[in-house]
Amino acid sequence: MLIGTTSGSEFAWGPNAQLALDTIAMRPTRGIPTGSVNVMDIPLIEELAGRAPGDPAREPEEVYVAYKRNIGVFLLDQYIPTNALSMTRTGYDSSQQRGATTGIERVVPDGMDYQRICGMADRRGGPLLIWAGVSVTRALPFGTREKVRDELRRLVEAGPPIGLILGASISAKLATNLQSFWTLIDGLRYYREHGCA
């Protein structure tokens, strides 16, 4: 679901959704859209949404959408507020069946050659749309603020001149370093507003 606003029967794309549409259409843009940053940490979701402790249990959908809007994403790609927000403040307990939205036992970091992929072309010879994410297995839980800034900068500088969307690689978990996470949110905002400049 792309985020926009409704007034009566009129629908208007939000600025982040319009930026994303222009990027997906491979039109030059001033900024780089923020695709998705999924958080699996209740206190952090409350803070990002600007809501009080306990609000996710009372108003899961409202809190979930508020947090997504406040961090500037254009897409609700994992709309699971009643599932994700049903976990406890310390994550899922040991009796919870593991699945796509309930946590995994171990994470295997990827080994993609980002720069090579960004230089590839589609079957008609045009540029690829690249959805790049800061690592939630290395940079966010273990990296410094500078490491997160460096990773964002690398994604932008090695990325394509048009057709780049930024976010997090997958869902940010309970072990995420909060200073690194806020650096990510600030960096995504910077690139949304200023692009590659």
N, C-alpha and C. Protein backbone atom coordinates (compact mmCIF):
# COMPACT_ATOMS: atom_id res chain seq x y z
N MET A 1 0.84 -1.17 0.00
CA MET A 1 0.00 0.00 0.00
C MET A 1 0.89 1.23 0.00
N LEU A 2 0.78 2.06 -1.01
CA LEU A 2 1.52 3.32 -1.05
C LEU A 2 0.81 4.33 -0.15
N ILE A 3 1.60 5.10 0.58
CA ILE A 3 1.01 6.03 1.54
C ILE A 3 0.64 7.34 0.86
N GLY A 4 -0.60 7.73 1.05
CA GLY A 4 -1.12 8.99 0.53
C GLY A 4 -2.18 9.51 1.48
N THR A 5 -2.97 10.47 1.05
CA THR A 5 -4.02 11.02 1.89
C THR A 5 -5.32 11.08 1.11
N THR A 6 -6.43 11.04 1.84
CA THR A 6 -7.74 11.12 1.24
C THR A 6 -8.47 12.32 1.81
N SER A 7 -9.08 13.10 0.94
CA SER A 7 -9.91 14.23 1.35
C SER A 7 -11.23 14.09 0.62
N GLY A 8 -12.27 13.68 1.35
CA GLY A 8 -13.53 13.40 0.68
C GLY A 8 -13.36 12.23 -0.25
N SER A 9 -13.64 12.42 -1.53
CA SER A 9 -13.46 11.34 -2.50
C SER A 9 -12.15 11.48 -3.27
N GLU A 10 -11.37 12.51 -2.96
CA GLU A 10 -10.11 12.76 -3.66
C GLU A 10 -8.96 12.06 -2.95
N PHE A 11 -8.07 11.44 -3.71
CA PHE A 11 -6.87 10.82 -3.15
C PHE A 11 -5.67 11.58 -3.67
N ALA A 12 -4.73 11.86 -2.80
CA ALA A 12 -3.50 12.54 -3.20
C ALA A 12 -2.31 11.72 -2.71
N TRP A 13 -1.35 11.52 -3.59
CA TRP A 13 -0.13 10.84 -3.18
C TRP A 13 0.59 11.70 -2.17
N GLY A 14 1.11 11.09 -1.11
CA GLY A 14 1.97 11.81 -0.19
C GLY A 14 3.29 12.10 -0.90
N PRO A 15 4.07 13.06 -0.40
CA PRO A 15 5.33 13.41 -1.08
C PRO A 15 6.30 12.23 -1.18
N ASN A 16 6.32 11.36 -0.17
CA ASN A 16 7.23 10.20 -0.23
C ASN A 16 6.75 9.19 -1.26
N ALA A 17 5.43 9.02 -1.38
CA ALA A 17 4.89 8.10 -2.37
C ALA A 17 5.14 8.64 -3.78
N GLN A 18 4.99 9.96 -3.96
CA GLN A 18 5.24 10.55 -5.28
C GLN A 18 6.71 10.40 -5.67
N LEU A 19 7.60 10.62 -4.70
CA LEU A 19 9.03 10.44 -4.95
C LEU A 19 9.30 8.99 -5.37
N ALA A 20 8.65 8.06 -4.69
CA ALA A 20 8.82 6.64 -5.03
C ALA A 20 8.28 6.34 -6.42
N LEU A 21 7.11 6.85 -6.74
CA LEU A 21 6.54 6.61 -8.07
C LEU A 21 7.46 7.14 -9.17
N ASP A 22 8.00 8.34 -8.96
CA ASP A 22 8.92 8.90 -9.94
C ASP A 22 10.18 8.04 -10.06
N THR A 23 10.67 7.54 -8.93
CA THR A 23 11.86 6.69 -8.94
C THR A 23 11.59 5.38 -9.67
N ILE A 24 10.45 4.75 -9.35
CA ILE A 24 10.09 3.49 -10.00
C ILE A 24 9.90 3.68 -11.50
N ALA A 25 9.39 4.85 -11.89
CA ALA A 25 9.22 5.16 -13.31
C ALA A 25 10.54 5.55 -13.96
N MET A 26 11.62 5.51 -13.18
CA MET A 26 12.98 5.82 -13.64
C MET A 26 13.10 7.25 -14.13
N ARG A 27 12.36 8.17 -13.50
CA ARG A 27 12.49 9.58 -13.79
C ARG A 27 13.52 10.17 -12.83
N PRO A 28 14.34 11.10 -13.27
CA PRO A 28 15.28 11.75 -12.35
C PRO A 28 14.53 12.42 -11.19
N THR A 29 15.06 12.29 -9.99
CA THR A 29 14.44 12.90 -8.81
C THR A 29 15.51 13.65 -8.03
N ARG A 30 15.05 14.54 -7.19
CA ARG A 30 15.98 15.27 -6.33
C ARG A 30 16.39 14.41 -5.14
N GLY A 31 15.47 13.63 -4.62
CA GLY A 31 15.74 12.82 -3.44
C GLY A 31 15.70 11.33 -3.75
N ILE A 32 16.00 10.53 -2.73
CA ILE A 32 15.98 9.08 -2.83
C ILE A 32 14.91 8.60 -1.85
N PRO A 33 13.88 7.88 -2.32
CA PRO A 33 12.80 7.48 -1.43
C PRO A 33 13.23 6.42 -0.41
N THR A 34 12.52 6.41 0.71
CA THR A 34 12.72 5.39 1.73
C THR A 34 11.65 4.33 1.53
N GLY A 35 12.11 3.13 1.20
CA GLY A 35 11.18 2.05 0.92
C GLY A 35 10.56 1.46 2.15
N SER A 36 11.33 0.81 2.96
CA SER A 36 10.77 0.11 4.09
C SER A 36 11.79 0.00 5.20
N VAL A 37 11.33 0.21 6.40
CA VAL A 37 12.10 -0.04 7.61
C VAL A 37 11.12 -0.70 8.56
N ASN A 38 11.24 -2.00 8.72
CA ASN A 38 10.33 -2.75 9.59
C ASN A 38 10.99 -2.96 10.94
N VAL A 39 10.28 -2.60 11.99
CA VAL A 39 10.79 -2.68 13.35
C VAL A 39 10.01 -3.72 14.12
N MET A 40 10.71 -4.57 14.85
CA MET A 40 10.08 -5.61 15.66
C MET A 40 10.40 -5.37 17.15
N ASP A 41 10.31 -4.14 17.59
CA ASP A 41 10.65 -3.76 18.96
C ASP A 41 9.55 -2.80 19.44
N ILE A 42 8.71 -3.28 20.36
CA ILE A 42 7.53 -2.52 20.80
C ILE A 42 7.89 -1.13 21.34
N PRO A 43 8.83 -0.99 22.29
CA PRO A 43 9.14 0.36 22.78
C PRO A 43 9.63 1.29 21.68
N LEU A 44 10.38 0.77 20.73
CA LEU A 44 10.87 1.61 19.64
C LEU A 44 9.71 2.02 18.72
N ILE A 45 8.79 1.10 18.45
CA ILE A 45 7.61 1.44 17.64
C ILE A 45 6.80 2.53 18.34
N GLU A 46 6.63 2.40 19.65
CA GLU A 46 5.89 3.43 20.41
C GLU A 46 6.57 4.79 20.26
N GLU A 47 7.89 4.80 20.40
CA GLU A 47 8.65 6.05 20.29
C GLU A 47 8.55 6.63 18.88
N LEU A 48 8.73 5.79 17.87
CA LEU A 48 8.67 6.25 16.48
C LEU A 48 7.27 6.78 16.12
N ALA A 49 6.25 6.18 16.70
CA ALA A 49 4.87 6.59 16.43
C ALA A 49 4.48 7.82 17.24
N GLY A 50 5.31 8.17 18.24
CA GLY A 50 4.94 9.28 19.11
C GLY A 50 3.79 8.91 20.03
N ARG A 51 3.74 7.65 20.43
CA ARG A 51 2.63 7.15 21.24
C ARG A 51 3.12 6.67 22.60
N ALA A 52 2.20 6.52 23.51
CA ALA A 52 2.50 6.13 24.89
C ALA A 52 2.68 4.61 25.00
N PRO A 53 3.44 4.18 26.03
CA PRO A 53 3.55 2.73 26.27
C PRO A 53 2.16 2.12 26.42
N GLY A 54 1.97 0.98 25.79
CA GLY A 54 0.68 0.29 25.85
C GLY A 54 -0.26 0.62 24.71
N ASP A 55 -0.02 1.72 24.01
CA ASP A 55 -0.90 2.09 22.89
C ASP A 55 -0.95 1.02 21.79
N PRO A 56 0.17 0.33 21.48
CA PRO A 56 0.08 -0.70 20.43
C PRO A 56 -0.93 -1.80 20.75
N ALA A 57 -1.09 -2.14 22.02
CA ALA A 57 -2.06 -3.17 22.38
C ALA A 57 -3.49 -2.66 22.22
N ARG A 58 -3.70 -1.38 22.48
CA ARG A 58 -5.04 -0.78 22.40
C ARG A 58 -5.42 -0.37 20.98
N GLU A 59 -4.45 0.14 20.22
CA GLU A 59 -4.71 0.65 18.87
C GLU A 59 -3.59 0.21 17.92
N PRO A 60 -3.50 -1.10 17.65
CA PRO A 60 -2.35 -1.59 16.88
C PRO A 60 -2.23 -0.98 15.48
N GLU A 61 -3.33 -0.88 14.75
CA GLU A 61 -3.25 -0.36 13.39
C GLU A 61 -2.84 1.10 13.38
N GLU A 62 -3.45 1.92 14.24
CA GLU A 62 -3.14 3.34 14.28
C GLU A 62 -1.69 3.60 14.65
N VAL A 63 -1.18 2.85 15.62
CA VAL A 63 0.21 3.01 16.04
C VAL A 63 1.16 2.58 14.93
N TYR A 64 0.85 1.46 14.29
CA TYR A 64 1.71 0.94 13.23
C TYR A 64 1.81 1.92 12.06
N VAL A 65 0.67 2.44 11.61
CA VAL A 65 0.67 3.39 10.50
C VAL A 65 1.36 4.69 10.91
N ALA A 66 1.15 5.16 12.16
CA ALA A 66 1.81 6.39 12.62
C ALA A 66 3.33 6.23 12.61
N TYR A 67 3.83 5.09 13.07
CA TYR A 67 5.29 4.90 13.06
C TYR A 67 5.82 4.87 11.64
N LYS A 68 5.13 4.21 10.71
CA LYS A 68 5.58 4.16 9.32
C LYS A 68 5.59 5.57 8.70
N ARG A 69 4.54 6.34 8.93
CA ARG A 69 4.49 7.71 8.40
C ARG A 69 5.60 8.57 9.01
N ASN A 70 5.82 8.44 10.31
CA ASN A 70 6.80 9.29 10.99
C ASN A 70 8.23 9.03 10.54
N ILE A 71 8.54 7.82 10.08
CA ILE A 71 9.90 7.57 9.62
C ILE A 71 10.05 7.81 8.12
N GLY A 72 8.95 8.14 7.44
CA GLY A 72 9.04 8.60 6.06
C GLY A 72 9.03 7.53 4.99
N VAL A 73 8.58 6.31 5.32
CA VAL A 73 8.51 5.30 4.27
C VAL A 73 7.33 5.59 3.36
N PHE A 74 7.39 5.09 2.14
CA PHE A 74 6.29 5.30 1.21
C PHE A 74 5.41 4.08 1.08
N LEU A 75 5.79 2.97 1.70
CA LEU A 75 5.12 1.70 1.44
C LEU A 75 4.86 0.95 2.74
N LEU A 76 3.65 0.46 2.89
CA LEU A 76 3.35 -0.46 3.98
C LEU A 76 3.41 -1.86 3.38
N ASP A 77 4.62 -2.41 3.33
CA ASP A 77 4.82 -3.69 2.65
C ASP A 77 4.64 -4.88 3.58
N GLN A 78 4.61 -4.64 4.85
CA GLN A 78 4.53 -5.72 5.82
C GLN A 78 3.48 -5.30 6.85
N TYR A 79 2.26 -5.12 6.38
CA TYR A 79 1.21 -4.62 7.26
C TYR A 79 0.73 -5.72 8.18
N ILE A 80 1.42 -5.88 9.29
CA ILE A 80 1.12 -6.96 10.22
C ILE A 80 1.03 -6.45 11.66
N PRO A 81 0.35 -5.34 11.90
CA PRO A 81 0.37 -4.78 13.25
C PRO A 81 -0.20 -5.70 14.31
N THR A 82 -1.23 -6.44 14.01
CA THR A 82 -1.79 -7.30 15.05
C THR A 82 -0.96 -8.56 15.26
N ASN A 83 -0.07 -8.90 14.33
CA ASN A 83 0.84 -10.01 14.53
C ASN A 83 2.12 -9.50 15.18
N ALA A 84 2.79 -8.55 14.50
CA ALA A 84 4.07 -8.07 15.03
C ALA A 84 3.92 -7.45 16.40
N LEU A 85 2.83 -6.74 16.62
CA LEU A 85 2.66 -6.07 17.90
C LEU A 85 2.09 -6.98 18.98
N SER A 86 1.85 -8.25 18.67
CA SER A 86 1.39 -9.18 19.68
C SER A 86 2.55 -9.80 20.44
N MET A 87 3.78 -9.54 20.01
CA MET A 87 4.92 -10.06 20.75
C MET A 87 5.08 -9.27 22.05
N THR A 88 5.83 -9.83 22.95
CA THR A 88 6.04 -9.15 24.23
C THR A 88 7.08 -8.05 24.09
N ARG A 89 7.28 -7.28 25.15
CA ARG A 89 8.26 -6.20 25.11
C ARG A 89 9.69 -6.74 24.98
N THR A 90 9.89 -8.03 25.23
CA THR A 90 11.22 -8.62 25.09
C THR A 90 11.29 -9.61 23.94
N GLY A 91 10.36 -9.52 23.00
CA GLY A 91 10.36 -10.41 21.84
C GLY A 91 9.39 -11.56 22.04
N TYR A 92 9.52 -12.58 21.21
CA TYR A 92 8.65 -13.75 21.30
C TYR A 92 9.18 -14.70 22.35
N ASP A 93 8.27 -15.35 23.08
CA ASP A 93 8.73 -16.30 24.07
C ASP A 93 9.08 -17.62 23.39
N SER A 94 9.67 -18.54 24.14
CA SER A 94 10.18 -19.77 23.54
C SER A 94 9.08 -20.70 23.05
N SER A 95 7.83 -20.48 23.47
CA SER A 95 6.74 -21.34 22.99
C SER A 95 6.18 -20.88 21.65
N GLN A 96 6.56 -19.69 21.20
CA GLN A 96 6.05 -19.13 19.94
C GLN A 96 6.61 -19.92 18.76
N GLN A 97 5.74 -20.39 17.87
CA GLN A 97 6.19 -21.08 16.67
C GLN A 97 6.93 -20.09 15.78
N ARG A 98 8.08 -20.48 15.27
CA ARG A 98 8.88 -19.61 14.43
C ARG A 98 8.33 -19.59 13.02
N GLY A 99 8.30 -18.40 12.44
CA GLY A 99 7.81 -18.23 11.08
C GLY A 99 8.33 -16.93 10.50
N ALA A 100 7.78 -16.54 9.36
CA ALA A 100 8.27 -15.35 8.65
C ALA A 100 8.15 -14.08 9.49
N THR A 101 7.15 -13.99 10.36
CA THR A 101 6.96 -12.77 11.14
C THR A 101 7.19 -12.96 12.63
N THR A 102 7.67 -14.12 13.03
CA THR A 102 7.86 -14.37 14.46
C THR A 102 9.30 -14.66 14.84
N GLY A 103 10.22 -14.32 14.00
CA GLY A 103 11.62 -14.49 14.36
C GLY A 103 12.22 -15.75 13.78
N ILE A 104 13.52 -15.73 13.67
CA ILE A 104 14.24 -16.87 13.14
C ILE A 104 15.34 -17.26 14.12
N GLU A 105 15.86 -18.43 13.97
CA GLU A 105 16.87 -18.92 14.89
C GLU A 105 18.26 -18.35 14.61
N ARG A 106 18.58 -18.12 13.35
CA ARG A 106 19.88 -17.55 13.01
C ARG A 106 19.76 -16.76 11.71
N VAL A 107 20.67 -15.82 11.51
CA VAL A 107 20.68 -14.98 10.33
C VAL A 107 21.95 -15.27 9.54
N VAL A 108 21.82 -15.44 8.24
CA VAL A 108 22.96 -15.66 7.36
C VAL A 108 23.15 -14.40 6.53
N PRO A 109 24.24 -13.64 6.77
CA PRO A 109 24.46 -12.41 5.99
C PRO A 109 24.60 -12.72 4.50
N ASP A 110 24.13 -11.77 3.69
CA ASP A 110 24.22 -11.98 2.25
C ASP A 110 25.63 -11.69 1.77
N GLY A 111 25.90 -12.11 0.56
CA GLY A 111 27.21 -11.89 -0.03
C GLY A 111 27.10 -11.31 -1.42
N MET A 112 26.12 -10.46 -1.64
CA MET A 112 25.91 -9.88 -2.97
C MET A 112 26.97 -8.84 -3.29
N ASP A 113 27.28 -8.74 -4.57
CA ASP A 113 28.19 -7.72 -5.06
C ASP A 113 27.34 -6.53 -5.50
N TYR A 114 27.09 -5.63 -4.57
CA TYR A 114 26.17 -4.52 -4.78
C TYR A 114 26.57 -3.65 -5.98
N GLN A 115 27.82 -3.30 -6.05
CA GLN A 115 28.28 -2.42 -7.13
C GLN A 115 28.08 -3.08 -8.50
N ARG A 116 28.36 -4.39 -8.58
CA ARG A 116 28.18 -5.10 -9.85
C ARG A 116 26.70 -5.15 -10.21
N ILE A 117 25.84 -5.43 -9.24
CA ILE A 117 24.40 -5.50 -9.50
C ILE A 117 23.88 -4.14 -9.96
N CYS A 118 24.35 -3.06 -9.34
CA CYS A 118 23.90 -1.72 -9.73
C CYS A 118 24.33 -1.36 -11.14
N GLY A 119 25.39 -1.98 -11.64
CA GLY A 119 25.85 -1.71 -13.00
C GLY A 119 25.19 -2.58 -14.06
N MET A 120 24.36 -3.51 -13.63
CA MET A 120 23.70 -4.39 -14.59
C MET A 120 22.54 -3.66 -15.27
N ALA A 121 22.08 -4.24 -16.37
CA ALA A 121 20.96 -3.67 -17.13
C ALA A 121 19.83 -4.69 -17.20
N ASP A 122 18.62 -4.17 -17.44
CA ASP A 122 17.50 -5.09 -17.64
C ASP A 122 17.61 -5.70 -19.04
N ARG A 123 16.69 -6.56 -19.39
CA ARG A 123 16.81 -7.28 -20.68
C ARG A 123 16.68 -6.37 -21.89
N ARG A 124 16.19 -5.15 -21.71
CA ARG A 124 16.12 -4.18 -22.81
C ARG A 124 17.29 -3.21 -22.79
N GLY A 125 18.22 -3.40 -21.86
CA GLY A 125 19.39 -2.55 -21.79
C GLY A 125 19.25 -1.34 -20.89
N GLY A 126 18.10 -1.20 -20.25
CA GLY A 126 17.87 -0.07 -19.35
C GLY A 126 18.38 -0.34 -17.95
N PRO A 127 18.43 0.69 -17.11
CA PRO A 127 18.93 0.50 -15.74
C PRO A 127 17.95 -0.31 -14.90
N LEU A 128 18.48 -0.97 -13.89
CA LEU A 128 17.64 -1.71 -12.95
C LEU A 128 17.16 -0.78 -11.84
N LEU A 129 15.99 -1.05 -11.32
CA LEU A 129 15.51 -0.40 -10.11
C LEU A 129 16.16 -1.15 -8.95
N ILE A 130 16.88 -0.44 -8.10
CA ILE A 130 17.61 -1.08 -7.00
C ILE A 130 16.98 -0.67 -5.66
N TRP A 131 16.62 -1.66 -4.88
CA TRP A 131 16.10 -1.44 -3.53
C TRP A 131 17.22 -1.88 -2.59
N ALA A 132 17.90 -0.92 -1.99
CA ALA A 132 19.08 -1.20 -1.18
C ALA A 132 18.78 -0.96 0.30
N GLY A 133 19.36 -1.78 1.15
CA GLY A 133 19.10 -1.63 2.57
C GLY A 133 20.35 -1.73 3.42
N VAL A 134 20.39 -0.91 4.46
CA VAL A 134 21.46 -0.99 5.46
C VAL A 134 21.29 -2.32 6.20
N SER A 135 22.38 -2.98 6.45
CA SER A 135 22.35 -4.31 7.07
C SER A 135 21.81 -4.28 8.49
N VAL A 136 20.78 -5.11 8.72
CA VAL A 136 20.27 -5.25 10.08
C VAL A 136 20.96 -6.40 10.82
N THR A 137 21.88 -7.09 10.15
CA THR A 137 22.64 -8.14 10.81
C THR A 137 24.04 -7.69 11.22
N ARG A 138 24.51 -6.59 10.61
CA ARG A 138 25.84 -6.09 10.94
C ARG A 138 25.79 -4.63 11.41
N ALA A 139 25.39 -3.73 10.53
CA ALA A 139 25.49 -2.29 10.83
C ALA A 139 24.58 -1.85 11.97
N LEU A 140 23.31 -2.24 11.95
CA LEU A 140 22.40 -1.74 12.98
C LEU A 140 22.66 -2.34 14.37
N PRO A 141 22.82 -3.65 14.51
CA PRO A 141 23.03 -4.15 15.87
C PRO A 141 24.45 -3.94 16.41
N PHE A 142 25.45 -3.95 15.53
CA PHE A 142 26.84 -3.95 16.00
C PHE A 142 27.65 -2.74 15.57
N GLY A 143 27.16 -2.00 14.60
CA GLY A 143 27.93 -0.89 14.06
C GLY A 143 27.78 0.40 14.86
N THR A 144 28.73 1.27 14.65
CA THR A 144 28.66 2.60 15.25
C THR A 144 27.79 3.49 14.37
N ARG A 145 27.53 4.69 14.85
CA ARG A 145 26.78 5.64 14.02
C ARG A 145 27.54 5.92 12.72
N GLU A 146 28.86 6.02 12.82
CA GLU A 146 29.67 6.27 11.63
C GLU A 146 29.58 5.11 10.64
N LYS A 147 29.54 3.88 11.15
CA LYS A 147 29.41 2.70 10.29
C LYS A 147 28.09 2.75 9.52
N VAL A 148 27.00 3.15 10.17
CA VAL A 148 25.71 3.26 9.50
C VAL A 148 25.75 4.36 8.45
N ARG A 149 26.33 5.52 8.79
CA ARG A 149 26.47 6.61 7.80
C ARG A 149 27.29 6.15 6.60
N ASP A 150 28.40 5.43 6.89
CA ASP A 150 29.26 4.94 5.81
C ASP A 150 28.51 3.96 4.91
N GLU A 151 27.71 3.08 5.52
CA GLU A 151 26.98 2.11 4.71
C GLU A 151 25.93 2.79 3.84
N LEU A 152 25.21 3.76 4.39
CA LEU A 152 24.26 4.53 3.59
C LEU A 152 24.96 5.25 2.45
N ARG A 153 26.08 5.89 2.76
CA ARG A 153 26.85 6.61 1.74
C ARG A 153 27.31 5.65 0.64
N ARG A 154 27.78 4.48 1.03
CA ARG A 154 28.24 3.48 0.06
C ARG A 154 27.08 3.04 -0.84
N LEU A 155 25.91 2.81 -0.25
CA LEU A 155 24.75 2.39 -1.04
C LEU A 155 24.37 3.46 -2.07
N VAL A 156 24.47 4.73 -1.66
CA VAL A 156 24.12 5.83 -2.57
C VAL A 156 25.20 6.01 -3.63
N GLU A 157 26.46 6.08 -3.20
CA GLU A 157 27.55 6.35 -4.15
C GLU A 157 27.75 5.22 -5.15
N ALA A 158 27.59 3.97 -4.72
CA ALA A 158 27.77 2.83 -5.63
C ALA A 158 26.47 2.50 -6.36
N GLY A 159 25.37 3.11 -5.94
CA GLY A 159 24.07 2.83 -6.54
C GLY A 159 23.88 3.51 -7.88
N PRO A 160 22.77 3.21 -8.52
CA PRO A 160 22.50 3.79 -9.84
C PRO A 160 22.15 5.28 -9.73
N PRO A 161 22.37 6.05 -10.79
CA PRO A 161 22.05 7.48 -10.76
C PRO A 161 20.55 7.75 -10.68
N ILE A 162 19.72 6.86 -11.21
CA ILE A 162 18.28 6.93 -11.03
C ILE A 162 17.80 5.53 -10.68
N GLY A 163 16.63 5.44 -10.04
CA GLY A 163 16.07 4.13 -9.72
C GLY A 163 16.62 3.51 -8.46
N LEU A 164 16.94 4.31 -7.43
CA LEU A 164 17.44 3.79 -6.16
C LEU A 164 16.43 4.06 -5.05
N ILE A 165 16.11 3.02 -4.28
CA ILE A 165 15.25 3.13 -3.10
C ILE A 165 16.07 2.64 -1.92
N LEU A 166 16.02 3.37 -0.81
CA LEU A 166 16.79 3.01 0.39
C LEU A 166 15.88 2.54 1.52
N GLY A 167 16.43 1.75 2.42
CA GLY A 167 15.71 1.28 3.60
C GLY A 167 16.63 0.46 4.47
N ALA A 168 16.04 -0.51 5.15
CA ALA A 168 16.80 -1.49 5.93
C ALA A 168 16.71 -2.82 5.20
N SER A 169 17.72 -3.67 5.37
CA SER A 169 17.75 -4.91 4.59
C SER A 169 16.57 -5.83 4.92
N ILE A 170 16.22 -5.97 6.19
CA ILE A 170 15.03 -6.71 6.62
C ILE A 170 14.55 -6.06 7.91
N SER A 171 13.80 -6.75 8.71
CA SER A 171 13.24 -6.17 9.93
C SER A 171 14.31 -5.94 10.99
N ALA A 172 14.26 -4.75 11.62
CA ALA A 172 15.15 -4.43 12.74
C ALA A 172 14.61 -5.12 13.98
N LYS A 173 15.50 -5.78 14.69
CA LYS A 173 15.09 -6.62 15.81
C LYS A 173 15.38 -5.97 17.16
N LEU A 174 15.08 -6.68 18.21
CA LEU A 174 15.27 -6.17 19.57
C LEU A 174 16.72 -5.83 19.88
N ALA A 175 17.68 -6.50 19.24
CA ALA A 175 19.09 -6.26 19.54
C ALA A 175 19.65 -5.05 18.80
N THR A 176 18.81 -4.32 18.09
CA THR A 176 19.28 -3.17 17.31
C THR A 176 19.82 -2.09 18.25
N ASN A 177 20.99 -1.57 17.90
CA ASN A 177 21.59 -0.46 18.63
C ASN A 177 20.78 0.80 18.33
N LEU A 178 20.18 1.41 19.35
CA LEU A 178 19.29 2.55 19.12
C LEU A 178 20.00 3.74 18.50
N GLN A 179 21.25 4.00 18.88
CA GLN A 179 21.98 5.11 18.26
C GLN A 179 22.17 4.85 16.77
N SER A 180 22.48 3.62 16.41
CA SER A 180 22.64 3.26 15.01
C SER A 180 21.31 3.37 14.27
N PHE A 181 20.24 2.95 14.92
CA PHE A 181 18.92 3.01 14.29
C PHE A 181 18.53 4.46 14.01
N TRP A 182 18.71 5.35 15.00
CA TRP A 182 18.36 6.77 14.79
C TRP A 182 19.25 7.40 13.73
N THR A 183 20.49 6.95 13.63
CA THR A 183 21.36 7.43 12.57
C THR A 183 20.81 6.99 11.22
N LEU A 184 20.30 5.76 11.13
CA LEU A 184 19.68 5.28 9.89
C LEU A 184 18.48 6.16 9.53
N ILE A 185 17.59 6.42 10.47
CA ILE A 185 16.40 7.22 10.20
C ILE A 185 16.79 8.63 9.75
N ASP A 186 17.77 9.23 10.43
CA ASP A 186 18.25 10.57 10.03
C ASP A 186 18.88 10.54 8.64
N GLY A 187 19.65 9.50 8.35
CA GLY A 187 20.29 9.37 7.04
C GLY A 187 19.27 9.17 5.93
N LEU A 188 18.26 8.36 6.18
CA LEU A 188 17.21 8.15 5.18
C LEU A 188 16.48 9.46 4.90
N ARG A 189 16.21 10.21 5.95
CA ARG A 189 15.56 11.53 5.78
C ARG A 189 16.45 12.45 4.95
N TYR A 190 17.75 12.46 5.26
CA TYR A 190 18.68 13.31 4.51
C TYR A 190 18.63 12.97 3.02
N TYR A 191 18.76 11.68 2.68
CA TYR A 191 18.78 11.30 1.28
C TYR A 191 17.43 11.48 0.60
N ARG A 192 16.31 11.37 1.36
CA ARG A 192 15.00 11.67 0.79
C ARG A 192 14.92 13.13 0.38
N GLU A 193 15.48 14.00 1.20
CA GLU A 193 15.40 15.44 0.95
C GLU A 193 16.47 15.95 -0.01
N HIS A 194 17.67 15.36 0.02
CA HIS A 194 18.80 15.92 -0.74
C HIS A 194 19.31 15.01 -1.86
N GLY A 195 18.91 13.77 -1.89
CA GLY A 195 19.40 12.85 -2.91
C GLY A 195 20.89 12.60 -2.80
N CYS A 196 21.56 12.49 -3.91
CA CYS A 196 22.98 12.17 -3.96
C CYS A 196 23.87 13.37 -3.62
N ALA A 197 23.30 14.56 -3.57
CA ALA A 197 24.10 15.80 -3.38
C ALA A 197 24.86 15.79 -2.09
